N, C-alpha and C. Protein backbone atom coordinates (compact mmCIF):
# COMPACT_ATOMS: atom_id res chain seq x y z
N MET A 1 88.30 139.58 210.71
CA MET A 1 89.22 138.53 211.18
C MET A 1 89.64 139.25 212.51
N SER A 2 89.43 138.29 213.50
CA SER A 2 90.39 138.93 214.76
C SER A 2 91.65 138.62 214.75
N LYS A 3 92.55 139.39 215.72
CA LYS A 3 93.72 139.57 215.71
C LYS A 3 94.36 138.46 216.96
N LEU A 4 95.12 137.65 216.82
CA LEU A 4 95.32 136.70 217.59
C LEU A 4 97.17 137.19 218.00
N ASP A 5 97.38 137.16 219.29
CA ASP A 5 98.56 137.52 219.81
C ASP A 5 99.14 136.42 220.66
N VAL A 6 100.43 135.80 220.48
CA VAL A 6 100.81 134.46 221.01
C VAL A 6 101.90 135.09 221.53
N VAL A 7 102.24 134.74 222.89
CA VAL A 7 103.03 135.05 223.95
C VAL A 7 104.11 133.52 224.34
N ILE A 8 105.09 133.78 223.78
CA ILE A 8 105.81 132.38 224.53
C ILE A 8 106.76 132.79 225.45
N ASN A 9 106.83 132.03 226.52
CA ASN A 9 107.42 132.11 227.59
C ASN A 9 108.78 131.44 227.47
N LYS A 10 109.90 132.19 227.01
CA LYS A 10 110.96 131.66 226.29
C LYS A 10 112.03 131.08 227.45
N SER A 11 111.83 131.42 228.59
CA SER A 11 112.76 130.58 229.48
C SER A 11 112.14 129.26 230.12
N ALA A 12 110.86 129.05 229.89
CA ALA A 12 109.98 128.07 229.91
C ALA A 12 110.24 127.02 228.95
N VAL A 13 110.60 127.50 227.78
CA VAL A 13 110.77 126.64 226.51
C VAL A 13 112.14 126.12 226.59
N GLY A 14 113.07 127.17 227.14
CA GLY A 14 114.57 126.86 227.26
C GLY A 14 114.75 125.75 228.42
N GLU A 15 114.01 125.74 229.34
CA GLU A 15 114.05 124.63 230.63
C GLU A 15 113.47 123.31 229.99
N LEU A 16 112.47 123.53 229.19
CA LEU A 16 112.04 122.32 228.38
C LEU A 16 112.59 121.52 227.40
N LEU A 17 113.55 122.34 226.92
CA LEU A 17 114.67 121.84 225.87
C LEU A 17 115.77 120.96 226.41
N GLN A 18 116.15 121.54 227.91
CA GLN A 18 117.32 120.88 228.48
C GLN A 18 116.91 120.04 229.57
N SER A 19 115.25 119.87 229.54
CA SER A 19 114.98 118.89 230.69
C SER A 19 115.11 117.31 230.57
N ALA A 20 115.11 116.61 231.47
CA ALA A 20 115.16 114.93 231.70
C ALA A 20 114.08 114.52 230.71
N GLU A 21 112.80 115.28 230.69
CA GLU A 21 111.53 114.65 230.06
C GLU A 21 111.80 114.86 228.47
N MET A 22 112.41 115.82 228.12
CA MET A 22 112.63 115.93 226.83
C MET A 22 113.79 114.89 226.08
N ALA A 23 114.76 114.80 227.08
CA ALA A 23 115.56 113.58 226.67
C ALA A 23 114.88 112.09 226.49
N ASN A 24 114.01 111.94 227.56
CA ASN A 24 113.25 110.66 227.62
C ASN A 24 112.28 110.55 226.68
N ALA A 25 111.98 111.61 225.89
CA ALA A 25 110.87 111.70 224.46
C ALA A 25 111.62 111.32 223.68
N ILE A 26 112.97 111.82 223.53
CA ILE A 26 113.82 111.46 221.90
C ILE A 26 114.74 110.48 222.28
N ARG A 27 114.91 109.70 223.42
CA ARG A 27 115.91 108.54 223.52
C ARG A 27 115.00 107.39 222.79
N PRO A 28 113.64 107.19 222.66
CA PRO A 28 113.46 105.77 222.24
C PRO A 28 113.52 105.71 220.64
N TYR A 29 113.71 107.12 219.85
CA TYR A 29 114.15 106.97 218.44
C TYR A 29 115.43 106.62 218.23
N ALA A 30 116.24 107.05 219.21
CA ALA A 30 117.83 107.07 219.22
C ALA A 30 117.85 105.53 219.39
N GLU A 31 117.27 104.95 220.25
CA GLU A 31 117.50 103.59 220.48
C GLU A 31 117.32 102.65 219.44
N ALA A 32 116.13 102.93 218.89
CA ALA A 32 115.70 102.33 217.80
C ALA A 32 116.60 102.36 216.46
N ILE A 33 117.19 103.15 216.38
CA ILE A 33 118.39 103.33 215.32
C ILE A 33 119.29 102.71 215.64
N ALA A 34 119.78 102.78 217.13
CA ALA A 34 121.12 101.95 217.37
C ALA A 34 120.79 100.49 217.44
N ASN A 35 119.73 100.16 217.56
CA ASN A 35 119.27 98.55 217.53
C ASN A 35 119.22 98.36 216.15
N SER A 36 119.19 99.00 215.12
CA SER A 36 118.84 98.31 213.84
C SER A 36 120.17 98.56 213.24
N ALA A 37 121.02 99.20 213.56
CA ALA A 37 122.54 99.23 212.92
C ALA A 37 123.57 98.66 213.98
N PRO A 38 124.51 97.85 213.42
CA PRO A 38 125.52 97.19 214.26
C PRO A 38 126.35 98.16 214.88
N HIS A 39 127.07 97.85 215.77
CA HIS A 39 128.10 98.59 216.58
C HIS A 39 127.74 99.91 217.18
N CYS A 40 126.45 100.28 217.47
CA CYS A 40 126.14 101.20 217.88
C CYS A 40 125.69 101.59 219.08
N THR A 41 125.96 102.72 219.61
CA THR A 41 125.61 103.42 221.08
C THR A 41 124.78 104.30 221.23
N VAL A 42 123.94 104.68 222.36
CA VAL A 42 123.20 105.93 222.24
C VAL A 42 123.98 107.04 223.40
N ASP A 43 124.32 108.19 222.88
CA ASP A 43 124.73 109.19 223.84
C ASP A 43 123.79 110.16 223.77
N GLU A 44 123.93 110.75 225.47
CA GLU A 44 123.11 111.68 225.45
C GLU A 44 123.82 112.80 226.17
N THR A 45 123.73 114.24 225.91
CA THR A 45 124.45 114.95 226.01
C THR A 45 123.32 116.49 226.66
N VAL A 46 123.66 116.99 227.62
CA VAL A 46 123.08 118.26 227.83
C VAL A 46 123.94 119.40 227.22
N LEU A 47 123.42 120.17 226.09
CA LEU A 47 124.36 121.51 225.80
C LEU A 47 123.59 122.50 226.30
N ARG A 48 124.25 123.82 225.79
CA ARG A 48 123.86 125.03 226.85
C ARG A 48 122.63 125.47 226.04
N THR A 49 121.69 125.05 225.42
CA THR A 49 120.20 125.61 225.12
C THR A 49 119.54 124.05 224.83
N ARG A 50 120.00 123.11 224.79
CA ARG A 50 119.28 121.82 224.77
C ARG A 50 119.72 120.43 224.89
N VAL A 51 119.01 119.66 225.08
CA VAL A 51 119.31 118.27 225.22
C VAL A 51 119.69 117.59 223.99
N ARG A 52 120.83 116.67 223.93
CA ARG A 52 121.14 115.87 222.61
C ARG A 52 121.11 114.54 222.82
N VAL A 53 120.41 113.74 222.21
CA VAL A 53 120.42 112.25 221.88
C VAL A 53 120.87 111.93 220.93
N GLY A 54 122.00 111.13 220.72
CA GLY A 54 122.36 110.85 219.40
C GLY A 54 122.96 109.47 219.44
N VAL A 55 122.99 108.89 218.15
CA VAL A 55 123.65 107.65 218.01
C VAL A 55 125.10 107.86 217.67
N VAL A 56 125.92 106.77 218.29
CA VAL A 56 127.48 106.69 218.07
C VAL A 56 127.85 105.40 217.38
N GLN A 57 128.36 105.38 216.22
CA GLN A 57 128.66 104.15 215.61
C GLN A 57 130.19 103.80 215.68
N LYS A 58 130.68 102.67 216.19
CA LYS A 58 131.92 102.51 216.03
C LYS A 58 132.22 101.86 214.46
N MET A 59 133.00 102.50 213.91
CA MET A 59 132.91 102.42 212.22
C MET A 59 133.77 101.01 212.16
N THR A 60 133.45 100.38 211.36
CA THR A 60 134.26 99.30 210.61
C THR A 60 134.17 99.29 209.06
N HIS A 61 134.81 98.57 208.55
CA HIS A 61 135.00 98.78 207.15
C HIS A 61 133.68 98.46 206.41
N ASP A 62 133.18 97.38 206.97
CA ASP A 62 131.80 97.13 206.35
C ASP A 62 130.62 98.02 206.44
N ASP A 63 130.86 98.75 207.68
CA ASP A 63 129.88 100.06 207.72
C ASP A 63 130.25 101.36 207.09
N MET A 64 131.33 101.41 206.71
CA MET A 64 131.77 102.48 205.60
C MET A 64 131.41 102.04 204.30
N GLU A 65 131.17 100.80 204.20
CA GLU A 65 131.02 100.43 202.49
C GLU A 65 129.62 100.48 202.39
N ASN A 66 128.62 99.97 203.24
CA ASN A 66 127.27 99.60 203.23
C ASN A 66 126.59 101.00 203.74
N HIS A 67 127.00 101.91 204.33
CA HIS A 67 126.27 103.05 204.99
C HIS A 67 125.26 102.63 206.26
N THR A 68 125.34 101.43 206.72
CA THR A 68 124.59 100.90 207.61
C THR A 68 123.71 101.89 208.53
N LEU A 69 124.35 102.82 209.28
CA LEU A 69 123.83 103.67 209.95
C LEU A 69 122.96 104.65 209.57
N LEU A 70 122.94 105.13 208.01
CA LEU A 70 122.48 105.69 207.22
C LEU A 70 121.26 105.12 206.85
N LYS A 71 121.17 103.90 206.33
CA LYS A 71 120.04 102.84 206.32
C LYS A 71 119.15 102.92 207.23
N ALA A 72 119.92 102.64 208.50
CA ALA A 72 118.82 102.59 209.82
C ALA A 72 118.35 103.67 209.97
N VAL A 73 118.60 104.97 209.77
CA VAL A 73 117.99 106.17 209.93
C VAL A 73 116.86 106.29 209.13
N HIS A 74 117.23 106.03 207.89
CA HIS A 74 116.01 106.08 206.82
C HIS A 74 114.65 105.32 206.87
N PHE A 75 115.16 103.87 207.54
CA PHE A 75 114.10 102.99 207.44
C PHE A 75 113.29 102.90 208.77
N GLN A 76 113.36 104.17 209.49
CA GLN A 76 112.64 104.43 210.62
C GLN A 76 111.32 104.84 210.53
């Protein structure tokens, strides 16, 4: 068997994780979850090591009782 060496360009991977392209790649998943659960918005944040796109829910009593955001994530 041949020995395979893989070299990862860490700075390029870091730039990719913080790029707008990565945010655009994961934003549709967050929007789909936000659209299937009530009172939700999509929040995008660029952190030190990566970009984060999350779903924020304005909680109501019904949402806390029925776990609507959790159900929206599991049905995607």
